[in-house]
Protein backbone atom coordinates (compact mmCIF):
# COMPACT_ATOMS: atom_id res chain seq x y z
CA MET A 1 -45.37 -13.05 54.95
CA ALA A 2 -44.01 -14.74 57.73
CA LEU A 3 -45.21 -14.10 61.23
CA ILE A 4 -43.24 -15.51 63.95
CA ALA A 5 -44.80 -15.60 67.35
CA ILE A 6 -42.79 -15.62 70.36
CA ALA A 7 -44.39 -16.52 73.59
CA SER A 8 -43.68 -17.92 76.92
CA ALA A 9 -45.48 -20.80 79.07
CA LYS A 10 -44.94 -19.61 82.46
CA GLY A 11 -44.04 -16.19 83.48
CA SER A 12 -41.97 -14.03 80.93
CA PRO A 13 -38.26 -15.19 80.90
CA GLY A 14 -37.14 -12.52 78.41
CA VAL A 15 -39.73 -12.73 75.79
CA THR A 16 -39.80 -9.11 74.87
CA THR A 17 -36.20 -9.10 74.70
CA ALA A 18 -35.93 -12.16 72.27
CA ALA A 19 -38.87 -10.64 70.08
CA MET A 20 -36.94 -7.37 69.92
CA LEU A 21 -33.52 -9.37 69.47
CA PHE A 22 -34.98 -11.55 66.63
CA ALA A 23 -36.88 -8.61 64.75
CA ALA A 24 -33.54 -6.51 64.95
CA LEU A 25 -31.54 -9.25 63.68
CA TRP A 26 -33.91 -10.46 60.85
CA PRO A 27 -32.53 -10.69 57.57
CA ARG A 28 -35.63 -9.70 55.88
CA PRO A 29 -37.84 -6.36 56.08
CA SER A 30 -39.63 -6.91 59.39
CA ILE A 31 -41.78 -5.09 62.34
CA LEU A 32 -42.08 -6.03 65.96
CA VAL A 33 -45.78 -5.95 67.11
CA GLU A 34 -46.57 -6.01 70.91
CA CYS A 35 -49.60 -8.10 71.63
CA ASP A 36 -49.40 -9.02 75.36
CA PRO A 37 -52.54 -8.46 76.90
CA ALA A 38 -50.91 -7.96 80.26
CA GLY A 39 -49.13 -4.76 78.84
CA GLY A 40 -46.15 -3.81 76.40
CA ASP A 41 -43.10 -2.08 77.50
CA VAL A 42 -41.10 -1.52 74.63
CA ALA A 43 -42.09 2.15 74.61
CA LEU A 44 -41.15 2.21 78.18
CA ARG A 45 -37.72 0.51 77.68
CA MET A 46 -36.70 2.20 74.29
CA PRO A 47 -36.21 5.76 72.98
CA GLY A 48 -37.20 6.73 69.57
CA ALA A 49 -34.69 6.90 66.75
CA ASP A 50 -34.40 10.47 67.58
CA GLY A 51 -33.36 9.66 71.22
CA GLU A 52 -36.81 10.99 72.48
CA PRO A 53 -39.49 8.91 74.21
CA LEU A 54 -41.93 7.00 71.90
CA ASP A 55 -45.35 8.31 71.70
CA SER A 56 -47.22 6.98 74.88
CA ASN A 57 -50.37 6.44 72.59
CA PRO A 58 -50.41 2.56 72.33
CA GLY A 59 -49.83 1.85 68.38
CA LEU A 60 -51.89 -1.33 68.36
CA LEU A 61 -54.84 0.16 70.28
CA ASN A 62 -54.93 3.24 67.98
CA LEU A 63 -54.55 0.74 64.86
CA VAL A 64 -57.85 -1.15 66.00
CA ALA A 65 -59.81 2.22 66.57
CA ALA A 66 -58.82 3.29 63.11
CA GLY A 67 -59.79 0.11 61.57
CA ARG A 68 -62.82 -0.58 63.39
CA LYS A 69 -64.85 -1.07 60.24
CA SER A 70 -61.83 -2.62 58.09
CA LEU A 71 -58.28 -3.68 59.02
CA TYR A 72 -55.99 -3.00 56.21
CA ALA A 73 -52.05 -3.25 55.53
CA ASP A 74 -51.75 0.32 55.12
CA LEU A 75 -52.84 0.98 58.48
CA VAL A 76 -50.10 -0.89 60.31
CA GLY A 77 -47.38 1.40 58.80
CA GLN A 78 -49.31 4.56 59.80
CA HIS A 79 -49.10 3.25 63.56
CA THR A 80 -45.74 2.04 64.02
CA GLU A 81 -42.89 3.81 65.35
CA GLN A 82 -38.93 3.61 64.72
CA ILE A 83 -36.86 2.96 67.86
CA ILE A 84 -33.26 3.70 68.11
CA GLY A 85 -31.24 1.15 65.86
CA GLY A 86 -33.92 1.51 63.02
CA LEU A 87 -36.39 -1.32 64.08
CA GLU A 88 -39.99 -0.55 63.24
CA VAL A 89 -42.38 -1.30 66.26
CA LEU A 90 -46.09 -1.40 66.84
CA THR A 91 -46.48 -0.58 70.19
CA GLY A 92 -48.81 -2.48 72.65
CA MET A 93 -51.05 -2.08 75.38
CA THR A 94 -49.70 -0.35 78.79
CA THR A 95 -52.18 -1.94 81.08
CA PRO A 96 -54.11 -5.35 81.13
CA GLU A 97 -57.35 -3.16 81.29
CA GLN A 98 -56.84 -1.78 77.75
CA ALA A 99 -56.85 -5.24 76.22
CA ALA A 100 -60.30 -6.41 77.67
CA GLY A 101 -62.39 -4.92 74.83
CA LEU A 102 -59.88 -5.44 72.05
CA GLY A 103 -61.75 -8.54 70.42
CA GLN A 104 -60.03 -8.74 67.10
CA TRP A 105 -57.09 -11.03 67.89
CA ASP A 106 -57.55 -13.39 65.08
CA THR A 107 -58.12 -10.65 62.41
CA LEU A 108 -54.94 -9.09 63.61
CA GLY A 109 -53.08 -12.30 63.24
CA GLN A 110 -54.46 -12.55 59.49
CA LEU A 111 -53.21 -8.89 58.91
CA PHE A 112 -49.98 -9.05 60.49
CA ALA A 113 -49.18 -12.21 58.46
CA GLU A 114 -50.07 -10.63 55.08
CA LEU A 115 -48.35 -7.43 55.41
CA PRO A 116 -46.87 -6.53 51.42
CA GLY A 117 -43.00 -7.22 51.78
CA THR A 118 -42.65 -7.37 55.57
CA ASP A 119 -42.29 -10.10 58.00
CA THR A 120 -43.60 -9.68 61.58
CA VAL A 121 -42.19 -10.73 64.94
CA VAL A 122 -45.29 -10.74 67.65
CA ASP A 123 -44.38 -10.60 71.22
CA LEU A 124 -47.49 -12.68 72.93
CA GLY A 125 -46.29 -12.49 76.06
CA ARG A 126 -47.46 -15.74 78.38
CA ILE A 127 -49.91 -17.86 76.72
CA GLY A 128 -52.26 -20.05 78.42
CA ALA A 129 -55.30 -22.30 77.88
CA GLU A 130 -57.82 -19.25 77.28
CA THR A 131 -55.45 -16.18 76.83
CA PRO A 132 -56.98 -14.21 74.05
CA GLN A 133 -53.93 -13.72 71.85
CA ASN A 134 -53.84 -17.44 71.19
CA ALA A 135 -55.89 -16.58 68.16
CA ILE A 136 -52.92 -14.96 66.54
CA LEU A 137 -51.20 -18.29 66.61
CA THR A 138 -53.23 -19.82 63.70
CA SER A 139 -51.80 -17.20 61.45
CA ALA A 140 -48.12 -17.87 62.54
CA SER A 141 -45.36 -19.32 60.05
CA ALA A 142 -43.46 -20.33 63.22
CA VAL A 143 -44.21 -20.29 67.03
CA VAL A 144 -41.21 -19.85 69.48
CA LEU A 145 -41.94 -20.58 73.07
CA VAL A 146 -39.28 -18.94 75.37
CA VAL A 147 -38.46 -20.79 78.87
CA ASP A 148 -35.74 -20.63 81.53
CA THR A 149 -33.96 -23.57 83.20
CA VAL A 150 -36.34 -23.66 86.45
CA PRO A 151 -37.82 -27.12 86.59
CA SER A 152 -41.24 -25.71 87.14
CA SER A 153 -41.12 -23.67 83.81
CA VAL A 154 -39.97 -26.85 81.89
CA VAL A 155 -43.11 -28.85 83.28
CA HIS A 156 -45.41 -25.80 82.07
CA LEU A 157 -43.59 -25.76 78.93
CA ARG A 158 -44.29 -29.41 78.01
CA GLU A 159 -47.86 -28.86 78.84
CA ARG A 160 -48.26 -25.85 76.76
CA LEU A 161 -46.35 -27.36 73.97
CA ARG A 162 -49.11 -30.06 73.67
CA LYS A 163 -51.56 -27.84 73.49
CA VAL A 164 -50.17 -25.13 70.97
CA SER A 165 -49.17 -28.08 69.01
CA ASP A 166 -52.82 -29.34 68.89
CA ALA A 167 -54.03 -25.89 68.16
CA LEU A 168 -51.72 -25.46 65.02
CA GLY A 169 -52.82 -29.00 63.57
CA GLY A 170 -49.82 -31.06 64.88
CA GLU A 171 -47.08 -31.97 62.48
CA VAL A 172 -48.90 -30.30 59.60
CA GLY A 173 -49.23 -26.69 61.31
CA ALA A 174 -46.69 -24.14 61.98
CA PRO A 175 -43.48 -25.48 63.22
CA LEU A 176 -42.74 -25.12 67.05
CA HIS A 177 -39.37 -24.06 68.31
CA VAL A 178 -38.17 -23.70 71.75
CA VAL A 179 -35.61 -21.04 73.07
CA VAL A 180 -34.09 -21.76 76.45
CA VAL A 181 -32.60 -18.92 77.86
CA ALA A 182 -29.74 -19.97 80.22
CA PRO A 183 -25.84 -18.84 80.89
CA PRO A 184 -23.79 -19.42 78.07
CA LYS A 185 -21.78 -22.57 79.82
CA ARG A 186 -25.10 -23.88 80.70
CA SER A 187 -25.42 -26.14 77.78
CA ARG A 188 -25.76 -29.08 79.51
CA ALA A 189 -29.36 -27.84 81.02
CA VAL A 190 -30.14 -26.73 77.31
CA ALA A 191 -29.70 -30.39 76.30
CA GLU A 192 -31.50 -31.90 79.16
CA ILE A 193 -34.68 -29.77 78.31
CA ARG A 194 -34.21 -30.97 74.71
CA ASP A 195 -34.30 -34.61 75.80
CA ALA A 196 -37.28 -34.02 77.97
CA ILE A 197 -39.19 -32.48 75.05
CA THR A 198 -38.15 -35.53 72.71
CA GLN A 199 -39.48 -37.79 75.53
CA SER A 200 -42.82 -36.15 75.53
CA GLN A 201 -43.20 -37.01 71.81
CA THR A 202 -44.30 -33.35 70.91
CA PRO A 203 -43.67 -32.29 67.45
CA VAL A 204 -41.07 -29.63 67.90
CA GLU A 205 -38.61 -28.42 64.94
CA GLY A 206 -36.06 -27.00 67.28
CA VAL A 207 -34.51 -26.29 70.89
CA HIS A 208 -32.17 -23.42 70.63
CA HIS A 209 -30.02 -21.93 73.37
CA LEU A 210 -30.03 -18.14 73.80
CA ALA A 211 -27.56 -16.89 76.32
CA HIS A 212 -28.52 -15.19 79.48
CA ASP A 213 -26.44 -12.13 79.34
CA THR A 214 -27.06 -9.11 81.02
CA THR A 215 -24.84 -6.87 79.04
CA GLY A 216 -26.34 -7.60 75.85
CA ALA A 217 -29.82 -7.45 77.30
CA ALA A 218 -29.30 -4.16 78.51
CA PHE A 219 -29.19 -2.73 75.16
CA PHE A 220 -32.92 -3.98 74.68
CA LEU A 221 -33.66 -2.20 78.11
CA GLY A 222 -32.86 1.11 76.51
CA GLN A 223 -29.22 1.32 77.66
CA VAL A 224 -27.91 1.81 74.29
CA THR A 225 -23.87 2.24 74.66
CA GLY A 226 -21.25 0.00 73.17
CA SER A 227 -21.93 -2.72 70.74
CA PRO A 228 -24.35 -5.22 71.06
CA ALA A 229 -23.17 -7.23 68.30
CA ARG A 230 -20.17 -8.29 70.36
CA THR A 231 -22.38 -9.55 73.36
CA ALA A 232 -23.11 -13.26 74.16
CA LEU A 233 -26.66 -12.54 73.64
CA VAL A 234 -26.35 -11.20 70.01
CA ARG A 235 -24.19 -13.92 69.25
CA SER A 236 -26.25 -16.72 70.61
CA ALA A 237 -29.36 -15.09 68.81
CA GLN A 238 -28.02 -14.94 65.40
CA PRO A 239 -27.87 -18.86 64.60
CA ILE A 240 -31.50 -18.89 65.90
CA VAL A 241 -32.70 -16.14 63.41
CA ASP A 242 -30.93 -17.85 60.84
CA VAL A 243 -32.92 -20.98 61.24
CA LEU A 244 -36.13 -19.15 61.78
CA ALA A 245 -35.73 -16.95 58.54
CA GLU A 246 -34.53 -19.93 56.61
CA ARG A 247 -37.70 -22.18 57.63
CA THR A 248 -40.05 -19.26 56.69
CA ALA A 249 -38.50 -17.91 53.81
CA GLY A 250 -41.32 -19.49 51.77
CA ALA A 251 -44.00 -17.14 53.43
CA PHE A 252 -42.26 -13.83 52.07
CA VAL A 253 -43.45 -12.31 49.10
CA SER A 254 -41.27 -9.22 47.71
CA PRO A 255 -43.43 -5.89 47.38
CA GLU A 256 -43.12 -5.97 43.78
CA ARG A 257 -44.54 -9.76 43.47
CA SER A 258 -47.01 -8.56 46.34
CA ALA A 259 -48.50 -5.78 44.35
CA GLY A 260 -48.86 -7.76 41.31
CA GLN A 261 -50.83 -10.40 43.49
CA GLN A 262 -52.96 -7.33 44.75
CA GLN A 263 -53.84 -5.94 41.36
CA GLU A 264 -54.76 -9.56 40.08
CA VAL A 265 -57.28 -9.75 42.77
CA THR A 266 -58.62 -6.37 42.57
CA SER A 267 -58.97 -6.37 38.69
């Protein structure tokens, strides 16, 4: 199945919001997984489907505890919750201290990339040279780095793109995409970042403009009133999701086909 890894090179210019947005708009069955060691906040932002607060116990930690001997796909569904709007979410850690003993990042990446009939959008938070969640990148079908237009952020982005590209195997690995968070009318700034990336000769499949839109973002901060579909944020995100979904379609296997494959393996 497709695993879409969303991360930032410096700070967190809307990584969680982008991950929630992409997962919510995804055209195939999907779940959102929080794998930010600094602490996830979906449970703090969003109510459950019934309007009540989500379970305060982080789903990811419970999943790892339940699968301490063997992690398998059925465990994931047992540890997800549905937020308002219908999106299935595997909530993450609430504090950085909880990530210290996790130690199964590469196994988690493989697990999320092989969920039967389900694509996974993973929020990795900020990644650096030694961040533990980097291990998940090797299982990704596509990697999306989110950046704003602050010059220092762009400098960090170019360096991180090189490192991630090398880790993914360069042009033969999972495709890299860049999402620039900028006001709707700042398309020139996005074009300048695209040019800077091109000049760095880093293999990037796409540079996309995601609108900085407080009205649209408010929905993904738990202020679930009005129609998010009409906001500049959602309108700008839809073409990005369409591209990512099309480019990763080959990684998706229908539940029926997946069950057949499993039967062949175990028979």
